[in-house]
Amino acid sequence: MKYMIMMFGDAATMYETQSAEYIKDMMTFMHGFYDELVQSGELVFAEGLVDSTQAKTVRIQNGLPVATDGPFAETKESLIGFWVVDVENEARAIELTSKVVACIQQPVELRRVGDAPPQE
């Protein structure tokens, strides 16, 4: 079963409000967590994302795609990193997600990756 573990936040705010020790500990955890997932064979893919100020939002305007800077205006937090894991069951996915929550002390979203529809 594949699951996506998603961290939301704002990197700029984190650097302004958290101590250097917190950031160092978090980065140490992230590297160790990645290594754990690789060693267990559960990691499918993982990435951290650049700050949302570098994002583009693409919309259809007058029938044509238009790209604008940034995420939706009403969004204060955005996706900042994720892991896709392939685990035996939901309990294992929750166990892994709980490790991230314990480190960052913030809610983390866990969502099952859906199966593709059958091809005919």
PDB file of N, CA and C in Angstrom:
ATOM      1  N   MET A   1       0.845  -1.173   0.000  1.00  0.00           N
ATOM      2  CA  MET A   1       0.000   0.000   0.000  1.00  0.00           C
ATOM      3  C   MET A   1       0.893   1.240   0.000  1.00  0.00           C
ATOM      4  N   LYS A   2       0.619   2.121  -0.934  1.00  0.00           N
ATOM      5  CA  LYS A   2       1.407   3.349  -1.002  1.00  0.00           C
ATOM      6  C   LYS A   2       0.681   4.481  -0.277  1.00  0.00           C
ATOM      7  N   TYR A   3       1.478   5.254   0.443  1.00  0.00           N
ATOM      8  CA  TYR A   3       0.976   6.420   1.170  1.00  0.00           C
ATOM      9  C   TYR A   3       1.893   7.600   0.915  1.00  0.00           C
ATOM     10  N   MET A   4       1.310   8.789   0.951  1.00  0.00           N
ATOM     11  CA  MET A   4       2.097  10.011   0.885  1.00  0.00           C
ATOM     12  C   MET A   4       2.045  10.675   2.252  1.00  0.00           C
ATOM     13  N   ILE A   5       3.219  10.958   2.786  1.00  0.00           N
ATOM     14  CA  ILE A   5       3.368  11.677   4.052  1.00  0.00           C
ATOM     15  C   ILE A   5       3.736  13.105   3.676  1.00  0.00           C
ATOM     16  N   MET A   6       2.892  14.074   4.060  1.00  0.00           N
ATOM     17  CA  MET A   6       3.072  15.456   3.597  1.00  0.00           C
ATOM     18  C   MET A   6       3.272  16.426   4.751  1.00  0.00           C
ATOM     19  N   MET A   7       4.328  17.213   4.635  1.00  0.00           N
ATOM     20  CA  MET A   7       4.598  18.281   5.602  1.00  0.00           C
ATOM     21  C   MET A   7       4.182  19.607   4.986  1.00  0.00           C
ATOM     22  N   PHE A   8       3.434  20.379   5.741  1.00  0.00           N
ATOM     23  CA  PHE A   8       3.017  21.707   5.306  1.00  0.00           C
ATOM     24  C   PHE A   8       3.641  22.741   6.229  1.00  0.00           C
ATOM     25  N   GLY A   9       3.881  23.908   5.710  1.00  0.00           N
ATOM     26  CA  GLY A   9       4.435  24.970   6.540  1.00  0.00           C
ATOM     27  C   GLY A   9       4.929  26.118   5.696  1.00  0.00           C
ATOM     28  N   ASP A  10       5.782  26.898   6.304  1.00  0.00           N
ATOM     29  CA  ASP A  10       6.375  28.062   5.656  1.00  0.00           C
ATOM     30  C   ASP A  10       7.823  28.129   6.107  1.00  0.00           C
ATOM     31  N   ALA A  11       8.751  27.857   5.199  1.00  0.00           N
ATOM     32  CA  ALA A  11      10.168  27.800   5.555  1.00  0.00           C
ATOM     33  C   ALA A  11      10.666  29.120   6.128  1.00  0.00           C
ATOM     34  N   ALA A  12      10.244  30.231   5.552  1.00  0.00           N
ATOM     35  CA  ALA A  12      10.705  31.538   6.037  1.00  0.00           C
ATOM     36  C   ALA A  12      10.304  31.745   7.491  1.00  0.00           C
ATOM     37  N   THR A  13       9.067  31.411   7.823  1.00  0.00           N
ATOM     38  CA  THR A  13       8.595  31.551   9.201  1.00  0.00           C
ATOM     39  C   THR A  13       9.362  30.621  10.129  1.00  0.00           C
ATOM     40  N   MET A  14       9.637  29.409   9.667  1.00  0.00           N
ATOM     41  CA  MET A  14      10.376  28.464  10.495  1.00  0.00           C
ATOM     42  C   MET A  14      11.755  29.028  10.843  1.00  0.00           C
ATOM     43  N   TYR A  15      12.464  29.558   9.853  1.00  0.00           N
ATOM     44  CA  TYR A  15      13.800  30.097  10.112  1.00  0.00           C
ATOM     45  C   TYR A  15      13.753  31.317  11.024  1.00  0.00           C
ATOM     46  N   GLU A  16      12.666  32.066  10.973  1.00  0.00           N
ATOM     47  CA  GLU A  16      12.527  33.253  11.824  1.00  0.00           C
ATOM     48  C   GLU A  16      12.139  32.904  13.257  1.00  0.00           C
ATOM     49  N   THR A  17      11.392  31.817  13.438  1.00  0.00           N
ATOM     50  CA  THR A  17      10.823  31.528  14.758  1.00  0.00           C
ATOM     51  C   THR A  17      11.489  30.373  15.501  1.00  0.00           C
ATOM     52  N   GLN A  18      12.222  29.536  14.803  1.00  0.00           N
ATOM     53  CA  GLN A  18      12.838  28.372  15.451  1.00  0.00           C
ATOM     54  C   GLN A  18      14.330  28.611  15.696  1.00  0.00           C
ATOM     55  N   SER A  19      14.845  27.960  16.704  1.00  0.00           N
ATOM     56  CA  SER A  19      16.264  28.092  17.035  1.00  0.00           C
ATOM     57  C   SER A  19      17.125  27.334  16.027  1.00  0.00           C
ATOM     58  N   ALA A  20      18.384  27.705  15.964  1.00  0.00           N
ATOM     59  CA  ALA A  20      19.336  27.005  15.097  1.00  0.00           C
ATOM     60  C   ALA A  20      19.442  25.542  15.518  1.00  0.00           C
ATOM     61  N   GLU A  21      19.344  25.282  16.820  1.00  0.00           N
ATOM     62  CA  GLU A  21      19.412  23.909  17.324  1.00  0.00           C
ATOM     63  C   GLU A  21      18.219  23.085  16.831  1.00  0.00           C
ATOM     64  N   TYR A  22      17.015  23.672  16.846  1.00  0.00           N
ATOM     65  CA  TYR A  22      15.818  22.982  16.346  1.00  0.00           C
ATOM     66  C   TYR A  22      16.009  22.623  14.871  1.00  0.00           C
ATOM     67  N   ILE A  23      16.473  23.580  14.083  1.00  0.00           N
ATOM     68  CA  ILE A  23      16.644  23.345  12.645  1.00  0.00           C
ATOM     69  C   ILE A  23      17.698  22.267  12.404  1.00  0.00           C
ATOM     70  N   LYS A  24      18.800  22.319  13.147  1.00  0.00           N
ATOM     71  CA  LYS A  24      19.842  21.300  13.013  1.00  0.00           C
ATOM     72  C   LYS A  24      19.287  19.926  13.378  1.00  0.00           C
ATOM     73  N   ASP A  25      18.562  19.837  14.498  1.00  0.00           N
ATOM     74  CA  ASP A  25      17.976  18.561  14.922  1.00  0.00           C
ATOM     75  C   ASP A  25      16.969  18.042  13.898  1.00  0.00           C
ATOM     76  N   MET A  26      16.177  18.939  13.329  1.00  0.00           N
ATOM     77  CA  MET A  26      15.195  18.535  12.329  1.00  0.00           C
ATOM     78  C   MET A  26      15.897  17.979  11.088  1.00  0.00           C
ATOM     79  N   MET A  27      16.940  18.650  10.628  1.00  0.00           N
ATOM     80  CA  MET A  27      17.659  18.186   9.441  1.00  0.00           C
ATOM     81  C   MET A  27      18.336  16.837   9.711  1.00  0.00           C
ATOM     82  N   THR A  28      18.885  16.670  10.903  1.00  0.00           N
ATOM     83  CA  THR A  28      19.486  15.386  11.274  1.00  0.00           C
ATOM     84  C   THR A  28      18.425  14.290  11.245  1.00  0.00           C
ATOM     85  N   PHE A  29      17.248  14.588  11.792  1.00  0.00           N
ATOM     86  CA  PHE A  29      16.149  13.620  11.764  1.00  0.00           C
ATOM     87  C   PHE A  29      15.771  13.284  10.324  1.00  0.00           C
ATOM     88  N   MET A  30      15.612  14.306   9.478  1.00  0.00           N
ATOM     89  CA  MET A  30      15.173  14.086   8.093  1.00  0.00           C
ATOM     90  C   MET A  30      16.139  13.162   7.354  1.00  0.00           C
ATOM     91  N   HIS A  31      17.429  13.383   7.524  1.00  0.00           N
ATOM     92  CA  HIS A  31      18.416  12.521   6.865  1.00  0.00           C
ATOM     93  C   HIS A  31      18.338  11.093   7.410  1.00  0.00           C
ATOM     94  N   GLY A  32      18.203  10.956   8.722  1.00  0.00           N
ATOM     95  CA  GLY A  32      18.085   9.630   9.326  1.00  0.00           C
ATOM     96  C   GLY A  32      16.806   8.915   8.923  1.00  0.00           C
ATOM     97  N   PHE A  33      15.708   9.657   8.849  1.00  0.00           N
ATOM     98  CA  PHE A  33      14.421   9.084   8.451  1.00  0.00           C
ATOM     99  C   PHE A  33      14.496   8.589   7.008  1.00  0.00           C
ATOM    100  N   TYR A  34      15.101   9.388   6.146  1.00  0.00           N
ATOM    101  CA  TYR A  34      15.292   8.991   4.744  1.00  0.00           C
ATOM    102  C   TYR A  34      16.098   7.688   4.688  1.00  0.00           C
ATOM    103  N   ASP A  35      17.215   7.646   5.413  1.00  0.00           N
ATOM    104  CA  ASP A  35      18.053   6.443   5.421  1.00  0.00           C
ATOM    105  C   ASP A  35      17.283   5.227   5.932  1.00  0.00           C
ATOM    106  N   GLU A  36      16.474   5.420   6.982  1.00  0.00           N
ATOM    107  CA  GLU A  36      15.662   4.328   7.528  1.00  0.00           C
ATOM    108  C   GLU A  36      14.709   3.779   6.467  1.00  0.00           C
ATOM    109  N   LEU A  37      14.062   4.674   5.730  1.00  0.00           N
ATOM    110  CA  LEU A  37      13.112   4.243   4.703  1.00  0.00           C
ATOM    111  C   LEU A  37      13.814   3.526   3.552  1.00  0.00           C
ATOM    112  N   VAL A  38      15.002   3.998   3.183  1.00  0.00           N
ATOM    113  CA  VAL A  38      15.771   3.329   2.130  1.00  0.00           C
ATOM    114  C   VAL A  38      16.169   1.930   2.591  1.00  0.00           C
ATOM    115  N   GLN A  39      16.701   1.833   3.803  1.00  0.00           N
ATOM    116  CA  GLN A  39      17.158   0.539   4.326  1.00  0.00           C
ATOM    117  C   GLN A  39      16.017  -0.459   4.483  1.00  0.00           C
ATOM    118  N   SER A  40      14.835   0.016   4.842  1.00  0.00           N
ATOM    119  CA  SER A  40      13.690  -0.890   5.018  1.00  0.00           C
ATOM    120  C   SER A  40      13.042  -1.259   3.688  1.00  0.00           C
ATOM    121  N   GLY A  41      13.433  -0.559   2.616  1.00  0.00           N
ATOM    122  CA  GLY A  41      12.831  -0.809   1.308  1.00  0.00           C
ATOM    123  C   GLY A  41      11.459  -0.181   1.146  1.00  0.00           C
ATOM    124  N   GLU A  42      11.069   0.707   2.066  1.00  0.00           N
ATOM    125  CA  GLU A  42       9.728   1.301   2.034  1.00  0.00           C
ATOM    126  C   GLU A  42       9.667   2.623   1.265  1.00  0.00           C
ATOM    127  N   LEU A  43      10.811   3.217   0.972  1.00  0.00           N
ATOM    128  CA  LEU A  43      10.802   4.511   0.287  1.00  0.00           C
ATOM    129  C   LEU A  43      10.553   4.331  -1.203  1.00  0.00           C
ATOM    130  N   VAL A  44       9.571   5.057  -1.721  1.00  0.00           N
ATOM    131  CA  VAL A  44       9.323   5.111  -3.157  1.00  0.00           C
ATOM    132  C   VAL A  44       9.956   6.381  -3.708  1.00  0.00           C
ATOM    133  N   PHE A  45       9.699   7.516  -3.037  1.00  0.00           N
ATOM    134  CA  PHE A  45      10.191   8.808  -3.514  1.00  0.00           C
ATOM    135  C   PHE A  45      10.040   9.818  -2.394  1.00  0.00           C
ATOM    136  N   ALA A  46      10.952  10.766  -2.321  1.00  0.00           N
ATOM    137  CA  ALA A  46      10.856  11.828  -1.316  1.00  0.00           C
ATOM    138  C   ALA A  46      11.523  13.081  -1.857  1.00  0.00           C
ATOM    139  N   GLU A  47      10.983  14.225  -1.502  1.00  0.00           N
ATOM    140  CA  GLU A  47      11.567  15.507  -1.901  1.00  0.00           C
ATOM    141  C   GLU A  47      11.158  16.590  -0.934  1.00  0.00           C
ATOM    142  N   GLY A  48      12.029  17.554  -0.777  1.00  0.00           N
ATOM    143  CA  GLY A  48      11.690  18.815  -0.143  1.00  0.00           C
ATOM    144  C   GLY A  48      11.427  19.814  -1.259  1.00  0.00           C
ATOM    145  N   LEU A  49      10.587  20.785  -1.018  1.00  0.00           N
ATOM    146  CA  LEU A  49      10.237  21.757  -2.050  1.00  0.00           C
ATOM    147  C   LEU A  49      10.806  23.123  -1.706  1.00  0.00           C
ATOM    148  N   VAL A  50      11.109  23.912  -2.742  1.00  0.00           N
ATOM    149  CA  VAL A  50      11.577  25.274  -2.505  1.00  0.00           C
ATOM    150  C   VAL A  50      10.438  26.088  -1.908  1.00  0.00           C
ATOM    151  N   ASP A  51      10.787  27.216  -1.336  1.00  0.00           N
ATOM    152  CA  ASP A  51       9.810  28.087  -0.689  1.00  0.00           C
ATOM    153  C   ASP A  51       8.682  28.449  -1.651  1.00  0.00           C
ATOM    154  N   SER A  52       7.481  28.578  -1.113  1.00  0.00           N
ATOM    155  CA  SER A  52       6.298  28.845  -1.944  1.00  0.00           C
ATOM    156  C   SER A  52       6.360  30.183  -2.667  1.00  0.00           C
ATOM    157  N   THR A  53       7.264  31.081  -2.252  1.00  0.00           N
ATOM    158  CA  THR A  53       7.402  32.352  -2.977  1.00  0.00           C
ATOM    159  C   THR A  53       7.925  32.124  -4.388  1.00  0.00           C
ATOM    160  N   GLN A  54       8.474  30.940  -4.644  1.00  0.00           N
ATOM    161  CA  GLN A  54       8.974  30.608  -5.978  1.00  0.00           C
ATOM    162  C   GLN A  54       7.968  29.781  -6.779  1.00  0.00           C
ATOM    163  N   ALA A  55       6.785  29.579  -6.216  1.00  0.00           N
ATOM    164  CA  ALA A  55       5.757  28.770  -6.880  1.00  0.00           C
ATOM    165  C   ALA A  55       5.071  29.557  -7.992  1.00  0.00           C
ATOM    166  N   LYS A  56       4.469  28.838  -8.884  1.00  0.00           N
ATOM    167  CA  LYS A  56       3.617  29.403  -9.933  1.00  0.00           C
ATOM    168  C   LYS A  56       2.248  28.750  -9.811  1.00  0.00           C
ATOM    169  N   THR A  57       1.216  29.526 -10.029  1.00  0.00           N
ATOM    170  CA  THR A  57      -0.135  28.996 -10.106  1.00  0.00           C
ATOM    171  C   THR A  57      -0.600  29.179 -11.544  1.00  0.00           C
ATOM    172  N   VAL A  58      -1.067  28.101 -12.155  1.00  0.00           N
ATOM    173  CA  VAL A  58      -1.510  28.149 -13.548  1.00  0.00           C
ATOM    174  C   VAL A  58      -3.025  28.039 -13.570  1.00  0.00           C
ATOM    175  N   ARG A  59      -3.657  28.984 -14.256  1.00  0.00           N
ATOM    176  CA  ARG A  59      -5.118  29.023 -14.385  1.00  0.00           C
ATOM    177  C   ARG A  59      -5.474  29.176 -15.867  1.00  0.00           C
ATOM    178  N   ILE A  60      -6.720  28.882 -16.171  1.00  0.00           N
ATOM    179  CA  ILE A  60      -7.240  29.147 -17.513  1.00  0.00           C
ATOM    180  C   ILE A  60      -7.934  30.502 -17.475  1.00  0.00           C
ATOM    181  N   GLN A  61      -7.520  31.393 -18.361  1.00  0.00           N
ATOM    182  CA  GLN A  61      -8.120  32.726 -18.452  1.00  0.00           C
ATOM    183  C   GLN A  61      -8.398  33.004 -19.930  1.00  0.00           C
ATOM    184  N   ASN A  62      -9.658  33.262 -20.236  1.00  0.00           N
ATOM    185  CA  ASN A  62     -10.072  33.469 -21.630  1.00  0.00           C
ATOM    186  C   ASN A  62      -9.659  32.299 -22.515  1.00  0.00           C
ATOM    187  N   GLY A  63      -9.764  31.092 -21.962  1.00  0.00           N
ATOM    188  CA  GLY A  63      -9.469  29.889 -22.729  1.00  0.00           C
ATOM    189  C   GLY A  63      -7.994  29.554 -22.858  1.00  0.00           C
ATOM    190  N   LEU A  64      -7.115  30.347 -22.247  1.00  0.00           N
ATOM    191  CA  LEU A  64      -5.677  30.113 -22.361  1.00  0.00           C
ATOM    192  C   LEU A  64      -5.048  29.950 -20.975  1.00  0.00           C
ATOM    193  N   PRO A  65      -4.011  29.111 -20.877  1.00  0.00           N
ATOM    194  CA  PRO A  65      -3.337  28.973 -19.587  1.00  0.00           C
ATOM    195  C   PRO A  65      -2.511  30.220 -19.273  1.00  0.00           C
ATOM    196  N   VAL A  66      -2.618  30.691 -18.031  1.00  0.00           N
ATOM    197  CA  VAL A  66      -1.871  31.861 -17.578  1.00  0.00           C
ATOM    198  C   VAL A  66      -1.182  31.490 -16.271  1.00  0.00           C
ATOM    199  N   ALA A  67       0.128  31.718 -16.201  1.00  0.00           N
ATOM    200  CA  ALA A  67       0.894  31.439 -14.984  1.00  0.00           C
ATOM    201  C   ALA A  67       1.099  32.733 -14.211  1.00  0.00           C
ATOM    202  N   THR A  68       0.838  32.680 -12.908  1.00  0.00           N
ATOM    203  CA  THR A  68       1.084  33.830 -12.044  1.00  0.00           C
ATOM    204  C   THR A  68       2.024  33.397 -10.921  1.00  0.00           C
ATOM    205  N   ASP A  69       2.722  34.359 -10.353  1.00  0.00           N
ATOM    206  CA  ASP A  69       3.658  34.063  -9.277  1.00  0.00           C
ATOM    207  C   ASP A  69       2.928  33.676  -8.005  1.00  0.00           C
ATOM    208  N   GLY A  70       3.516  32.725  -7.288  1.00  0.00           N
ATOM    209  CA  GLY A  70       3.047  32.375  -5.958  1.00  0.00           C
ATOM    210  C   GLY A  70       1.880  31.417  -5.938  1.00  0.00           C
ATOM    211  N   PRO A  71       1.609  30.905  -4.732  1.00  0.00           N
ATOM    212  CA  PRO A  71       0.446  30.033  -4.546  1.00  0.00           C
ATOM    213  C   PRO A  71      -0.809  30.885  -4.414  1.00  0.00           C
ATOM    214  N   PHE A  72      -1.927  30.234  -4.147  1.00  0.00           N
ATOM    215  CA  PHE A  72      -3.170  30.969  -3.940  1.00  0.00           C
ATOM    216  C   PHE A  72      -2.984  32.003  -2.841  1.00  0.00           C
ATOM    217  N   ALA A  73      -3.528  33.190  -3.020  1.00  0.00           N
ATOM    218  CA  ALA A  73      -3.334  34.299  -2.080  1.00  0.00           C
ATOM    219  C   ALA A  73      -3.776  33.959  -0.667  1.00  0.00           C
ATOM    220  N   GLU A  74      -4.836  33.159  -0.543  1.00  0.00           N
ATOM    221  CA  GLU A  74      -5.353  32.869   0.792  1.00  0.00           C
ATOM    222  C   GLU A  74      -4.568  31.768   1.518  1.00  0.00           C
ATOM    223  N   THR A  75      -3.562  31.200   0.875  1.00  0.00           N
ATOM    224  CA  THR A  75      -2.783  30.129   1.474  1.00  0.00           C
ATOM    225  C   THR A  75      -1.648  30.689   2.313  1.00  0.00           C
ATOM    226  N   LYS A  76      -1.620  30.339   3.603  1.00  0.00           N
ATOM    227  CA  LYS A  76      -0.526  30.768   4.474  1.00  0.00           C
ATOM    228  C   LYS A  76       0.546  29.691   4.565  1.00  0.00           C
ATOM    229  N   GLU A  77       0.139  28.454   4.505  1.00  0.00           N
ATOM    230  CA  GLU A  77       1.076  27.348   4.546  1.00  0.00           C
ATOM    231  C   GLU A  77       0.920  26.541   3.270  1.00  0.00           C
ATOM    232  N   SER A  78       2.023  25.979   2.824  1.00  0.00           N
ATOM    233  CA  SER A  78       1.976  25.172   1.615  1.00  0.00           C
ATOM    234  C   SER A  78       2.804  23.908   1.824  1.00  0.00           C
ATOM    235  N   LEU A  79       2.699  23.008   0.879  1.00  0.00           N
ATOM    236  CA  LEU A  79       3.456  21.764   0.932  1.00  0.00           C
ATOM    237  C   LEU A  79       4.940  22.096   0.866  1.00  0.00           C
ATOM    238  N   ILE A  80       5.714  21.635   1.863  1.00  0.00           N
ATOM    239  CA  ILE A  80       7.145  21.927   1.870  1.00  0.00           C
ATOM    240  C   ILE A  80       7.998  20.670   1.698  1.00  0.00           C
ATOM    241  N   GLY A  81       7.387  19.510   1.818  1.00  0.00           N
ATOM    242  CA  GLY A  81       8.128  18.279   1.612  1.00  0.00           C
ATOM    243  C   GLY A  81       7.218  17.078   1.741  1.00  0.00           C
ATOM    244  N   PHE A  82       7.668  15.968   1.159  1.00  0.00           N
ATOM    245  CA  PHE A  82       6.837  14.766   1.194  1.00  0.00           C
ATOM    246  C   PHE A  82       7.684  13.515   1.010  1.00  0.00           C
ATOM    247  N   TRP A  83       7.112  12.416   1.449  1.00  0.00           N
ATOM    248  CA  TRP A  83       7.656  11.088   1.222  1.00  0.00           C
ATOM    249  C   TRP A  83       6.522  10.246   0.651  1.00  0.00           C
ATOM    250  N   VAL A  84       6.817   9.429  -0.334  1.00  0.00           N
ATOM    251  CA  VAL A  84       5.884   8.396  -0.775  1.00  0.00           C
ATOM    252  C   VAL A  84       6.503   7.087  -0.308  1.00  0.00           C
ATOM    253  N   VAL A  85       5.730   6.345   0.473  1.00  0.00           N
ATOM    254  CA  VAL A  85       6.218   5.081   1.024  1.00  0.00           C
ATOM    255  C   VAL A  85       5.315   3.942   0.576  1.00  0.00           C
ATOM    256  N   ASP A  86       5.889   2.771   0.483  1.00  0.00           N
ATOM    257  CA  ASP A  86       5.132   1.561   0.156  1.00  0.00           C
ATOM    258  C   ASP A  86       5.260   0.642   1.367  1.00  0.00           C
ATOM    259  N   VAL A  87       4.175   0.540   2.119  1.00  0.00           N
ATOM    260  CA  VAL A  87       4.201  -0.174   3.397  1.00  0.00           C
ATOM    261  C   VAL A  87       3.169  -1.293   3.417  1.00  0.00           C
ATOM    262  N   GLU A  88       3.302  -2.154   4.411  1.00  0.00           N
ATOM    263  CA  GLU A  88       2.416  -3.314   4.517  1.00  0.00           C
ATOM    264  C   GLU A  88       0.970  -2.933   4.804  1.00  0.00           C
ATOM    265  N   ASN A  89       0.784  -1.891   5.645  1.00  0.00           N
ATOM    266  CA  ASN A  89      -0.577  -1.543   6.037  1.00  0.00           C
ATOM    267  C   ASN A  89      -0.635  -0.105   6.557  1.00  0.00           C
ATOM    268  N   GLU A  90      -1.852   0.345   6.826  1.00  0.00           N
ATOM    269  CA  GLU A  90      -2.057   1.709   7.313  1.00  0.00           C
ATOM    270  C   GLU A  90      -1.371   1.940   8.659  1.00  0.00           C
ATOM    271  N   ALA A  91      -1.365   0.929   9.501  1.00  0.00           N
ATOM    272  CA  ALA A  91      -0.734   1.072  10.821  1.00  0.00           C
ATOM    273  C   ALA A  91       0.743   1.440  10.678  1.00  0.00           C
ATOM    274  N   ARG A  92       1.428   0.820   9.729  1.00  0.00           N
ATOM    275  CA  ARG A  92       2.844   1.137   9.506  1.00  0.00           C
ATOM    276  C   ARG A  92       2.979   2.563   8.974  1.00  0.00           C
ATOM    277  N   ALA A  93       2.088   2.980   8.092  1.00  0.00           N
ATOM    278  CA  ALA A  93       2.130   4.351   7.569  1.00  0.00           C
ATOM    279  C   ALA A  93       1.943   5.358   8.702  1.00  0.00           C
ATOM    280  N   ILE A  94       1.033   5.075   9.607  1.00  0.00           N
ATOM    281  CA  ILE A  94       0.805   5.957  10.761  1.00  0.00           C
ATOM    282  C   ILE A  94       2.032   5.961  11.671  1.00  0.00           C
ATOM    283  N   GLU A  95       2.635   4.806  11.862  1.00  0.00           N
ATOM    284  CA  GLU A  95       3.845   4.716  12.687  1.00  0.00           C
ATOM    285  C   GLU A  95       4.953   5.606  12.116  1.00  0.00           C
ATOM    286  N   LEU A  96       5.167   5.530  10.806  1.00  0.00           N
ATOM    287  CA  LEU A  96       6.196   6.360  10.172  1.00  0.00           C
ATOM    288  C   LEU A  96       5.852   7.842  10.279  1.00  0.00           C
ATOM    289  N   THR A  97       4.606   8.182  10.018  1.00  0.00           N
ATOM    290  CA  THR A  97       4.167   9.579  10.084  1.00  0.00           C
ATOM    291  C   THR A  97       4.325  10.128  11.495  1.00  0.00           C
ATOM    292  N   SER A  98       4.074   9.299  12.482  1.00  0.00           N
ATOM    293  CA  SER A  98       4.210   9.721  13.879  1.00  0.00           C
ATOM    294  C   SER A  98       5.638  10.138  14.213  1.00  0.00           C
ATOM    295  N   LYS A  99       6.611   9.517  13.569  1.00  0.00           N
ATOM    296  CA  LYS A  99       8.012   9.904  13.790  1.00  0.00           C
ATOM    297  C   LYS A  99       8.261  11.328  13.308  1.00  0.00           C
ATOM    298  N   VAL A 100       7.670  11.683  12.169  1.00  0.00           N
ATOM    299  CA  VAL A 100       7.826  13.040  11.636  1.00  0.00           C
ATOM    300  C   VAL A 100       7.151  14.034  12.576  1.00  0.00           C
ATOM    301  N   VAL A 101       5.940  13.710  13.012  1.00  0.00           N
ATOM    302  CA  VAL A 101       5.198  14.586  13.928  1.00  0.00           C
ATOM    303  C   VAL A 101       5.994  14.810  15.213  1.00  0.00           C
ATOM    304  N   ALA A 102       6.578  13.753  15.753  1.00  0.00           N
ATOM    305  CA  ALA A 102       7.352  13.873  16.990  1.00  0.00           C
ATOM    306  C   ALA A 102       8.540  14.808  16.807  1.00  0.00           C
ATOM    307  N   CYS A 103       9.130  14.795  15.627  1.00  0.00           N
ATOM    308  CA  CYS A 103      10.277  15.666  15.366  1.00  0.00           C
ATOM    309  C   CYS A 103       9.863  17.117  15.194  1.00  0.00           C
ATOM    310  N   ILE A 104       8.909  17.373  14.312  1.00  0.00           N
ATOM    311  CA  ILE A 104       8.597  18.771  13.963  1.00  0.00           C
ATOM    312  C   ILE A 104       7.551  19.403  14.864  1.00  0.00           C
ATOM    313  N   GLN A 105       6.850  18.576  15.663  1.00  0.00           N
ATOM    314  CA  GLN A 105       5.830  19.087  16.586  1.00  0.00           C
ATOM    315  C   GLN A 105       4.739  19.882  15.862  1.00  0.00           C
ATOM    316  N   GLN A 106       4.378  19.400  14.681  1.00  0.00           N
ATOM    317  CA  GLN A 106       3.322  19.998  13.863  1.00  0.00           C
ATOM    318  C   GLN A 106       2.498  18.864  13.265  1.00  0.00           C
ATOM    319  N   PRO A 107       1.248  19.125  12.914  1.00  0.00           N
ATOM    320  CA  PRO A 107       0.467  18.096  12.223  1.00  0.00           C
ATOM    321  C   PRO A 107       1.095  17.754  10.871  1.00  0.00           C
ATOM    322  N   VAL A 108       0.993  16.505  10.490  1.00  0.00           N
ATOM    323  CA  VAL A 108       1.497  16.015   9.210  1.00  0.00           C
ATOM    324  C   VAL A 108       0.367  15.236   8.556  1.00  0.00           C
ATOM    325  N   GLU A 109       0.141  15.482   7.278  1.00  0.00           N
ATOM    326  CA  GLU A 109      -0.952  14.799   6.577  1.00  0.00           C
ATOM    327  C   GLU A 109      -0.472  13.482   5.989  1.00  0.00           C
ATOM    328  N   LEU A 110      -1.288  12.452   6.160  1.00  0.00           N
ATOM    329  CA  LEU A 110      -1.032  11.127   5.605  1.00  0.00           C
ATOM    330  C   LEU A 110      -2.198  10.783   4.698  1.00  0.00           C
ATOM    331  N   ARG A 111      -1.878  10.400   3.473  1.00  0.00           N
ATOM    332  CA  ARG A 111      -2.951  10.069   2.539  1.00  0.00           C
ATOM    333  C   ARG A 111      -2.535   8.868   1.692  1.00  0.00           C
ATOM    334  N   ARG A 112      -3.452   7.926   1.536  1.00  0.00           N
ATOM    335  CA  ARG A 112      -3.169   6.761   0.697  1.00  0.00           C
ATOM    336  C   ARG A 112      -3.127   7.193  -0.761  1.00  0.00           C
ATOM    337  N   VAL A 113      -2.172   6.637  -1.481  1.00  0.00           N
ATOM    338  CA  VAL A 113      -2.060   6.892  -2.911  1.00  0.00           C
ATOM    339  C   VAL A 113      -3.023   5.944  -3.612  1.00  0.00           C
ATOM    340  N   GLY A 114      -3.900   6.495  -4.432  1.00  0.00           N
ATOM    341  CA  GLY A 114      -4.906   5.681  -5.109  1.00  0.00           C
ATOM    342  C   GLY A 114      -4.313   4.833  -6.215  1.00  0.00           C
ATOM    343  N   ASP A 115      -4.989   3.754  -6.496  1.00  0.00           N
ATOM    344  CA  ASP A 115      -4.589   2.887  -7.595  1.00  0.00           C
ATOM    345  C   ASP A 115      -5.083   3.480  -8.903  1.00  0.00           C
ATOM    346  N   ALA A 116      -4.295   3.326  -9.936  1.00  0.00           N
ATOM    347  CA  ALA A 116      -4.696   3.813 -11.254  1.00  0.00           C
ATOM    348  C   ALA A 116      -5.861   2.969 -11.766  1.00  0.00           C
ATOM    349  N   PRO A 117      -6.767   3.586 -12.521  1.00  0.00           N
ATOM    350  CA  PRO A 117      -7.861   2.792 -13.091  1.00  0.00           C
ATOM    351  C   PRO A 117      -7.303   1.778 -14.089  1.00  0.00           C
ATOM    352  N   PRO A 118      -7.978   0.656 -14.231  1.00  0.00           N
ATOM    353  CA  PRO A 118      -7.479  -0.354 -15.172  1.00  0.00           C
ATOM    354  C   PRO A 118      -7.486   0.180 -16.598  1.00  0.00           C
ATOM    355  N   GLN A 119      -6.456  -0.205 -17.351  1.00  0.00           N
ATOM    356  CA  GLN A 119      -6.385   0.195 -18.760  1.00  0.00           C
ATOM    357  C   GLN A 119      -7.064  -0.859 -19.611  1.00  0.00           C
ATOM    358  N   GLU A 120      -7.796  -0.393 -20.605  1.00  0.00           N
ATOM    359  CA  GLU A 120      -8.496  -1.346 -21.476  1.00  0.00           C
ATOM    360  C   GLU A 120      -7.780  -1.471 -22.784  1.00  0.00           C
TER     361      GLU A 120
END
